[in-house]
PDB file of N, CA and C in Angstrom:
ATOM      1  N   MET A   1      17.613  -6.310   7.149  1.00  0.00           N
ATOM      2  CA  MET A   1      16.675  -7.164   6.483  1.00  0.00           C
ATOM      3  C   MET A   1      17.028  -7.220   5.001  1.00  0.00           C
ATOM      4  N   GLU A   2      16.770  -8.338   4.391  1.00  0.00           N
ATOM      5  CA  GLU A   2      17.133  -8.531   2.989  1.00  0.00           C
ATOM      6  C   GLU A   2      15.888  -8.783   2.147  1.00  0.00           C
ATOM      7  N   THR A   3      15.920  -8.300   0.915  1.00  0.00           N
ATOM      8  CA  THR A   3      14.849  -8.565  -0.042  1.00  0.00           C
ATOM      9  C   THR A   3      15.476  -8.723  -1.422  1.00  0.00           C
ATOM     10  N   THR A   4      14.700  -9.164  -2.391  1.00  0.00           N
ATOM     11  CA  THR A   4      15.205  -9.413  -3.738  1.00  0.00           C
ATOM     12  C   THR A   4      14.346  -8.667  -4.753  1.00  0.00           C
ATOM     13  N   ILE A   5      14.962  -8.206  -5.820  1.00  0.00           N
ATOM     14  CA  ILE A   5      14.229  -7.567  -6.900  1.00  0.00           C
ATOM     15  C   ILE A   5      13.757  -8.663  -7.853  1.00  0.00           C
ATOM     16  N   SER A   6      12.474  -8.605  -8.217  1.00  0.00           N
ATOM     17  CA  SER A   6      11.906  -9.614  -9.117  1.00  0.00           C
ATOM     18  C   SER A   6      12.358  -9.365 -10.554  1.00  0.00           C
ATOM     19  N   SER A   7      12.031 -10.310 -11.430  1.00  0.00           N
ATOM     20  CA  SER A   7      12.359 -10.149 -12.847  1.00  0.00           C
ATOM     21  C   SER A   7      11.609  -8.976 -13.473  1.00  0.00           C
ATOM     22  N   LYS A   8      10.538  -8.522 -12.825  1.00  0.00           N
ATOM     23  CA  LYS A   8       9.776  -7.363 -13.294  1.00  0.00           C
ATOM     24  C   LYS A   8      10.293  -6.058 -12.678  1.00  0.00           C
ATOM     25  N   GLY A   9      11.355  -6.134 -11.874  1.00  0.00           N
ATOM     26  CA  GLY A   9      11.904  -4.940 -11.250  1.00  0.00           C
ATOM     27  C   GLY A   9      11.188  -4.531  -9.984  1.00  0.00           C
ATOM     28  N   GLN A  10      10.379  -5.414  -9.418  1.00  0.00           N
ATOM     29  CA  GLN A  10       9.620  -5.102  -8.210  1.00  0.00           C
ATOM     30  C   GLN A  10      10.419  -5.478  -6.976  1.00  0.00           C
ATOM     31  N   ILE A  11      10.295  -4.651  -5.947  1.00  0.00           N
ATOM     32  CA  ILE A  11      10.947  -4.914  -4.662  1.00  0.00           C
ATOM     33  C   ILE A  11       9.856  -5.209  -3.646  1.00  0.00           C
ATOM     34  N   VAL A  12      10.009  -6.287  -2.904  1.00  0.00           N
ATOM     35  CA  VAL A  12       9.043  -6.658  -1.873  1.00  0.00           C
ATOM     36  C   VAL A  12       9.557  -6.160  -0.532  1.00  0.00           C
ATOM     37  N   LEU A  13       8.706  -5.411   0.180  1.00  0.00           N
ATOM     38  CA  LEU A  13       9.048  -5.021   1.546  1.00  0.00           C
ATOM     39  C   LEU A  13       8.736  -6.211   2.447  1.00  0.00           C
ATOM     40  N   PRO A  14       9.681  -6.649   3.257  1.00  0.00           N
ATOM     41  CA  PRO A  14       9.434  -7.796   4.123  1.00  0.00           C
ATOM     42  C   PRO A  14       8.242  -7.567   5.065  1.00  0.00           C
ATOM     43  N   ALA A  15       7.512  -8.640   5.346  1.00  0.00           N
ATOM     44  CA  ALA A  15       6.303  -8.569   6.166  1.00  0.00           C
ATOM     45  C   ALA A  15       6.511  -7.855   7.504  1.00  0.00           C
ATOM     46  N   PRO A  16       7.624  -8.094   8.234  1.00  0.00           N
ATOM     47  CA  PRO A  16       7.767  -7.390   9.517  1.00  0.00           C
ATOM     48  C   PRO A  16       7.758  -5.864   9.359  1.00  0.00           C
ATOM     49  N   LEU A  17       8.324  -5.352   8.269  1.00  0.00           N
ATOM     50  CA  LEU A  17       8.304  -3.901   8.037  1.00  0.00           C
ATOM     51  C   LEU A  17       6.897  -3.429   7.693  1.00  0.00           C
ATOM     52  N   ARG A  18       6.207  -4.178   6.820  1.00  0.00           N
ATOM     53  CA  ARG A  18       4.838  -3.795   6.448  1.00  0.00           C
ATOM     54  C   ARG A  18       3.923  -3.799   7.655  1.00  0.00           C
ATOM     55  N   GLU A  19       4.047  -4.809   8.485  1.00  0.00           N
ATOM     56  CA  GLU A  19       3.187  -4.905   9.674  1.00  0.00           C
ATOM     57  C   GLU A  19       3.494  -3.783  10.658  1.00  0.00           C
ATOM     58  N   ARG A  20       4.768  -3.536  10.908  1.00  0.00           N
ATOM     59  CA  ARG A  20       5.160  -2.516  11.890  1.00  0.00           C
ATOM     60  C   ARG A  20       4.677  -1.126  11.485  1.00  0.00           C
ATOM     61  N   ASP A  21       4.733  -0.826  10.177  1.00  0.00           N
ATOM     62  CA  ASP A  21       4.354   0.506   9.698  1.00  0.00           C
ATOM     63  C   ASP A  21       2.968   0.552   9.063  1.00  0.00           C
ATOM     64  N   ARG A  22       2.202  -0.535   9.202  1.00  0.00           N
ATOM     65  CA  ARG A  22       0.850  -0.626   8.664  1.00  0.00           C
ATOM     66  C   ARG A  22       0.804  -0.244   7.171  1.00  0.00           C
ATOM     67  N   ILE A  23       1.685  -0.853   6.398  1.00  0.00           N
ATOM     68  CA  ILE A  23       1.727  -0.635   4.953  1.00  0.00           C
ATOM     69  C   ILE A  23       0.792  -1.651   4.305  1.00  0.00           C
ATOM     70  N   LEU A  24      -0.126  -1.152   3.496  1.00  0.00           N
ATOM     71  CA  LEU A  24      -1.128  -2.001   2.867  1.00  0.00           C
ATOM     72  C   LEU A  24      -0.948  -2.012   1.356  1.00  0.00           C
ATOM     73  N   ALA A  25      -1.467  -3.057   0.730  1.00  0.00           N
ATOM     74  CA  ALA A  25      -1.413  -3.150  -0.734  1.00  0.00           C
ATOM     75  C   ALA A  25      -2.089  -1.935  -1.348  1.00  0.00           C
ATOM     76  N   GLY A  26      -1.490  -1.402  -2.390  1.00  0.00           N
ATOM     77  CA  GLY A  26      -2.060  -0.256  -3.084  1.00  0.00           C
ATOM     78  C   GLY A  26      -1.545   1.091  -2.613  1.00  0.00           C
ATOM     79  N   GLN A  27      -0.869   1.124  -1.458  1.00  0.00           N
ATOM     80  CA  GLN A  27      -0.327   2.395  -0.999  1.00  0.00           C
ATOM     81  C   GLN A  27       0.806   2.808  -1.924  1.00  0.00           C
ATOM     82  N   ARG A  28       0.944   4.096  -2.135  1.00  0.00           N
ATOM     83  CA  ARG A  28       1.919   4.609  -3.095  1.00  0.00           C
ATOM     84  C   ARG A  28       3.137   5.166  -2.372  1.00  0.00           C
ATOM     85  N   PHE A  29       4.294   5.067  -3.055  1.00  0.00           N
ATOM     86  CA  PHE A  29       5.573   5.506  -2.502  1.00  0.00           C
ATOM     87  C   PHE A  29       6.332   6.348  -3.521  1.00  0.00           C
ATOM     88  N   ASP A  30       7.168   7.229  -3.030  1.00  0.00           N
ATOM     89  CA  ASP A  30       8.129   7.958  -3.847  1.00  0.00           C
ATOM     90  C   ASP A  30       9.491   7.339  -3.573  1.00  0.00           C
ATOM     91  N   ILE A  31      10.323   7.258  -4.605  1.00  0.00           N
ATOM     92  CA  ILE A  31      11.685   6.757  -4.422  1.00  0.00           C
ATOM     93  C   ILE A  31      12.651   7.804  -4.956  1.00  0.00           C
ATOM     94  N   GLU A  32      13.719   8.010  -4.216  1.00  0.00           N
ATOM     95  CA  GLU A  32      14.721   9.010  -4.588  1.00  0.00           C
ATOM     96  C   GLU A  32      16.093   8.352  -4.567  1.00  0.00           C
ATOM     97  N   ARG A  33      16.872   8.583  -5.609  1.00  0.00           N
ATOM     98  CA  ARG A  33      18.240   8.059  -5.649  1.00  0.00           C
ATOM     99  C   ARG A  33      19.130   9.051  -4.917  1.00  0.00           C
ATOM    100  N   LEU A  34      19.748   8.594  -3.841  1.00  0.00           N
ATOM    101  CA  LEU A  34      20.637   9.451  -3.058  1.00  0.00           C
ATOM    102  C   LEU A  34      22.065   9.390  -3.587  1.00  0.00           C
ATOM    103  N   ASP A  35      22.490   8.178  -3.927  1.00  0.00           N
ATOM    104  CA  ASP A  35      23.844   7.943  -4.422  1.00  0.00           C
ATOM    105  C   ASP A  35      23.839   6.544  -5.039  1.00  0.00           C
ATOM    106  N   GLU A  36      24.922   6.145  -5.653  1.00  0.00           N
ATOM    107  CA  GLU A  36      24.986   4.809  -6.240  1.00  0.00           C
ATOM    108  C   GLU A  36      24.741   3.758  -5.158  1.00  0.00           C
ATOM    109  N   GLY A  37      23.662   2.972  -5.352  1.00  0.00           N
ATOM    110  CA  GLY A  37      23.329   1.914  -4.411  1.00  0.00           C
ATOM    111  C   GLY A  37      22.585   2.380  -3.166  1.00  0.00           C
ATOM    112  N   HIS A  38      22.264   3.666  -3.063  1.00  0.00           N
ATOM    113  CA  HIS A  38      21.551   4.204  -1.893  1.00  0.00           C
ATOM    114  C   HIS A  38      20.284   4.916  -2.363  1.00  0.00           C
ATOM    115  N   TYR A  39      19.147   4.472  -1.828  1.00  0.00           N
ATOM    116  CA  TYR A  39      17.855   4.991  -2.254  1.00  0.00           C
ATOM    117  C   TYR A  39      17.013   5.315  -1.024  1.00  0.00           C
ATOM    118  N   LEU A  40      16.107   6.272  -1.185  1.00  0.00           N
ATOM    119  CA  LEU A  40      15.199   6.655  -0.118  1.00  0.00           C
ATOM    120  C   LEU A  40      13.782   6.368  -0.586  1.00  0.00           C
ATOM    121  N   LEU A  41      13.049   5.577   0.182  1.00  0.00           N
ATOM    122  CA  LEU A  41      11.675   5.215  -0.131  1.00  0.00           C
ATOM    123  C   LEU A  41      10.776   5.924   0.868  1.00  0.00           C
ATOM    124  N   LYS A  42       9.814   6.720   0.365  1.00  0.00           N
ATOM    125  CA  LYS A  42       8.917   7.468   1.252  1.00  0.00           C
ATOM    126  C   LYS A  42       7.467   7.194   0.867  1.00  0.00           C
ATOM    127  N   ARG A  43       6.657   6.833   1.876  1.00  0.00           N
ATOM    128  CA  ARG A  43       5.237   6.603   1.632  1.00  0.00           C
ATOM    129  C   ARG A  43       4.556   7.940   1.365  1.00  0.00           C
ATOM    130  N   GLN A  44       3.726   7.985   0.327  1.00  0.00           N
ATOM    131  CA  GLN A  44       2.989   9.202   0.009  1.00  0.00           C
ATOM    132  C   GLN A  44       1.819   9.362   0.972  1.00  0.00           C
ATOM    133  N   SER A  45       1.458  10.590   1.231  1.00  0.00           N
ATOM    134  CA  SER A  45       0.299  10.868   2.081  1.00  0.00           C
ATOM    135  C   SER A  45      -0.975  10.510   1.327  1.00  0.00           C
ATOM    136  N   PRO A  46      -1.992  10.047   2.054  1.00  0.00           N
ATOM    137  CA  PRO A  46      -3.267   9.766   1.385  1.00  0.00           C
ATOM    138  C   PRO A  46      -3.836  11.042   0.768  1.00  0.00           C
ATOM    139  N   LYS A  47      -4.619  10.907  -0.274  1.00  0.00           N
ATOM    140  CA  LYS A  47      -5.138  12.055  -1.020  1.00  0.00           C
ATOM    141  C   LYS A  47      -6.473  12.561  -0.485  1.00  0.00           C
ATOM    142  N   GLY A  48      -6.638  12.658   0.804  1.00  0.00           N
ATOM    143  CA  GLY A  48      -7.846  13.246   1.362  1.00  0.00           C
ATOM    144  C   GLY A  48      -9.028  12.312   1.487  1.00  0.00           C
ATOM    145  N   THR A  49      -8.863  11.034   1.188  1.00  0.00           N
ATOM    146  CA  THR A  49      -9.972  10.094   1.323  1.00  0.00           C
ATOM    147  C   THR A  49      -9.774   9.182   2.527  1.00  0.00           C
ATOM    148  N   HIS A  50      -8.793   9.506   3.348  1.00  0.00           N
ATOM    149  CA  HIS A  50      -8.514   8.691   4.530  1.00  0.00           C
ATOM    150  C   HIS A  50      -9.766   8.607   5.405  1.00  0.00           C
ATOM    151  N   GLY A  51     -10.237   7.406   5.677  1.00  0.00           N
ATOM    152  CA  GLY A  51     -11.422   7.213   6.503  1.00  0.00           C
ATOM    153  C   GLY A  51     -12.726   7.230   5.722  1.00  0.00           C
ATOM    154  N   MET A  52     -12.671   7.444   4.420  1.00  0.00           N
ATOM    155  CA  MET A  52     -13.884   7.540   3.613  1.00  0.00           C
ATOM    156  C   MET A  52     -14.691   6.239   3.637  1.00  0.00           C
ATOM    157  N   VAL A  53     -14.032   5.093   3.511  1.00  0.00           N
ATOM    158  CA  VAL A  53     -14.747   3.813   3.503  1.00  0.00           C
ATOM    159  C   VAL A  53     -15.440   3.586   4.843  1.00  0.00           C
ATOM    160  N   ASP A  54     -14.741   3.862   5.949  1.00  0.00           N
ATOM    161  CA  ASP A  54     -15.373   3.710   7.263  1.00  0.00           C
ATOM    162  C   ASP A  54     -16.597   4.609   7.369  1.00  0.00           C
ATOM    163  N   TRP A  55     -16.495   5.832   6.857  1.00  0.00           N
ATOM    164  CA  TRP A  55     -17.603   6.773   6.909  1.00  0.00           C
ATOM    165  C   TRP A  55     -18.786   6.243   6.094  1.00  0.00           C
ATOM    166  N   LEU A  56     -18.520   5.719   4.889  1.00  0.00           N
ATOM    167  CA  LEU A  56     -19.585   5.175   4.055  1.00  0.00           C
ATOM    168  C   LEU A  56     -20.222   3.935   4.678  1.00  0.00           C
ATOM    169  N   LEU A  57     -19.398   3.086   5.285  1.00  0.00           N
ATOM    170  CA  LEU A  57     -19.937   1.873   5.919  1.00  0.00           C
ATOM    171  C   LEU A  57     -20.804   2.206   7.126  1.00  0.00           C
ATOM    172  N   ALA A  58     -20.599   3.377   7.718  1.00  0.00           N
ATOM    173  CA  ALA A  58     -21.379   3.796   8.882  1.00  0.00           C
ATOM    174  C   ALA A  58     -22.722   4.400   8.488  1.00  0.00           C
ATOM    175  N   CYS A  59     -23.053   4.428   7.219  1.00  0.00           N
ATOM    176  CA  CYS A  59     -24.315   5.000   6.745  1.00  0.00           C
ATOM    177  C   CYS A  59     -25.479   4.309   7.445  1.00  0.00           C
ATOM    178  N   PRO A  60     -26.446   5.084   7.948  1.00  0.00           N
ATOM    179  CA  PRO A  60     -27.565   4.470   8.681  1.00  0.00           C
ATOM    180  C   PRO A  60     -28.502   3.642   7.815  1.00  0.00           C
ATOM    181  N   GLU A  61     -28.514   3.847   6.504  1.00  0.00           N
ATOM    182  CA  GLU A  61     -29.377   3.061   5.634  1.00  0.00           C
ATOM    183  C   GLU A  61     -28.698   1.731   5.319  1.00  0.00           C
ATOM    184  N   LYS A  62     -29.328   0.644   5.696  1.00  0.00           N
ATOM    185  CA  LYS A  62     -28.737  -0.686   5.561  1.00  0.00           C
ATOM    186  C   LYS A  62     -28.422  -1.020   4.096  1.00  0.00           C
ATOM    187  N   ASP A  63     -27.236  -1.567   3.880  1.00  0.00           N
ATOM    188  CA  ASP A  63     -26.762  -2.034   2.570  1.00  0.00           C
ATOM    189  C   ASP A  63     -26.679  -0.934   1.509  1.00  0.00           C
ATOM    190  N   TRP A  64     -26.591   0.314   1.928  1.00  0.00           N
ATOM    191  CA  TRP A  64     -26.466   1.405   0.968  1.00  0.00           C
ATOM    192  C   TRP A  64     -25.113   1.369   0.273  1.00  0.00           C
ATOM    193  N   PHE A  65     -24.078   1.034   1.026  1.00  0.00           N
ATOM    194  CA  PHE A  65     -22.717   0.991   0.478  1.00  0.00           C
ATOM    195  C   PHE A  65     -22.164  -0.405   0.673  1.00  0.00           C
ATOM    196  N   ARG A  66     -21.601  -0.967  -0.397  1.00  0.00           N
ATOM    197  CA  ARG A  66     -20.968  -2.280  -0.314  1.00  0.00           C
ATOM    198  C   ARG A  66     -19.569  -2.174  -0.897  1.00  0.00           C
ATOM    199  N   THR A  67     -18.612  -2.829  -0.255  1.00  0.00           N
ATOM    200  CA  THR A  67     -17.258  -2.846  -0.802  1.00  0.00           C
ATOM    201  C   THR A  67     -17.236  -3.772  -2.013  1.00  0.00           C
ATOM    202  N   LEU A  68     -16.394  -3.466  -2.975  1.00  0.00           N
ATOM    203  CA  LEU A  68     -16.263  -4.277  -4.182  1.00  0.00           C
ATOM    204  C   LEU A  68     -15.180  -5.327  -3.972  1.00  0.00           C
ATOM    205  N   PRO A  69     -15.390  -6.527  -4.495  1.00  0.00           N
ATOM    206  CA  PRO A  69     -14.323  -7.521  -4.402  1.00  0.00           C
ATOM    207  C   PRO A  69     -13.135  -7.074  -5.253  1.00  0.00           C
ATOM    208  N   SER A  70     -11.941  -7.388  -4.799  1.00  0.00           N
ATOM    209  CA  SER A  70     -10.759  -7.030  -5.586  1.00  0.00           C
ATOM    210  C   SER A  70      -9.909  -8.264  -5.792  1.00  0.00           C
ATOM    211  N   GLU A  71      -9.174  -8.224  -6.866  1.00  0.00           N
ATOM    212  CA  GLU A  71      -8.296  -9.349  -7.192  1.00  0.00           C
ATOM    213  C   GLU A  71      -6.958  -9.175  -6.505  1.00  0.00           C
ATOM    214  N   SER A  72      -6.337 -10.264  -6.174  1.00  0.00           N
ATOM    215  CA  SER A  72      -5.037 -10.251  -5.531  1.00  0.00           C
ATOM    216  C   SER A  72      -3.941  -9.998  -6.564  1.00  0.00           C
ATOM    217  N   THR A  73      -2.886  -9.343  -6.151  1.00  0.00           N
ATOM    218  CA  THR A  73      -1.726  -9.150  -7.021  1.00  0.00           C
ATOM    219  C   THR A  73      -0.596 -10.119  -6.649  1.00  0.00           C
ATOM    220  N   ASP A  74      -0.906 -11.109  -5.803  1.00  0.00           N
ATOM    221  CA  ASP A  74       0.115 -12.050  -5.351  1.00  0.00           C
ATOM    222  C   ASP A  74       0.734 -12.844  -6.502  1.00  0.00           C
ATOM    223  N   SER A  75      -0.002 -13.046  -7.580  1.00  0.00           N
ATOM    224  CA  SER A  75       0.503 -13.866  -8.668  1.00  0.00           C
ATOM    225  C   SER A  75       1.287 -13.047  -9.705  1.00  0.00           C
ATOM    226  N   LEU A  76       1.411 -11.747  -9.487  1.00  0.00           N
ATOM    227  CA  LEU A  76       2.147 -10.914 -10.467  1.00  0.00           C
ATOM    228  C   LEU A  76       3.624 -11.174 -10.422  1.00  0.00           C
TER     229      LEU A  76
END
């Protein structure tokens, strides 16, 4: 699969890879230089809040927790 580095130095992971590995916007990665032209990209583990939003949304008191709207980074 091929991708291009943007003028800001950003690399886009192609959609088939993101979908297959359930990679979502905002997830963090570590990158390691192995050799000239060879790099290793590793997704970081969540910081212990995995499932927190689902847990909050399951609160028995109606409308106690609401998700906040977020802006898209598509135009960056």
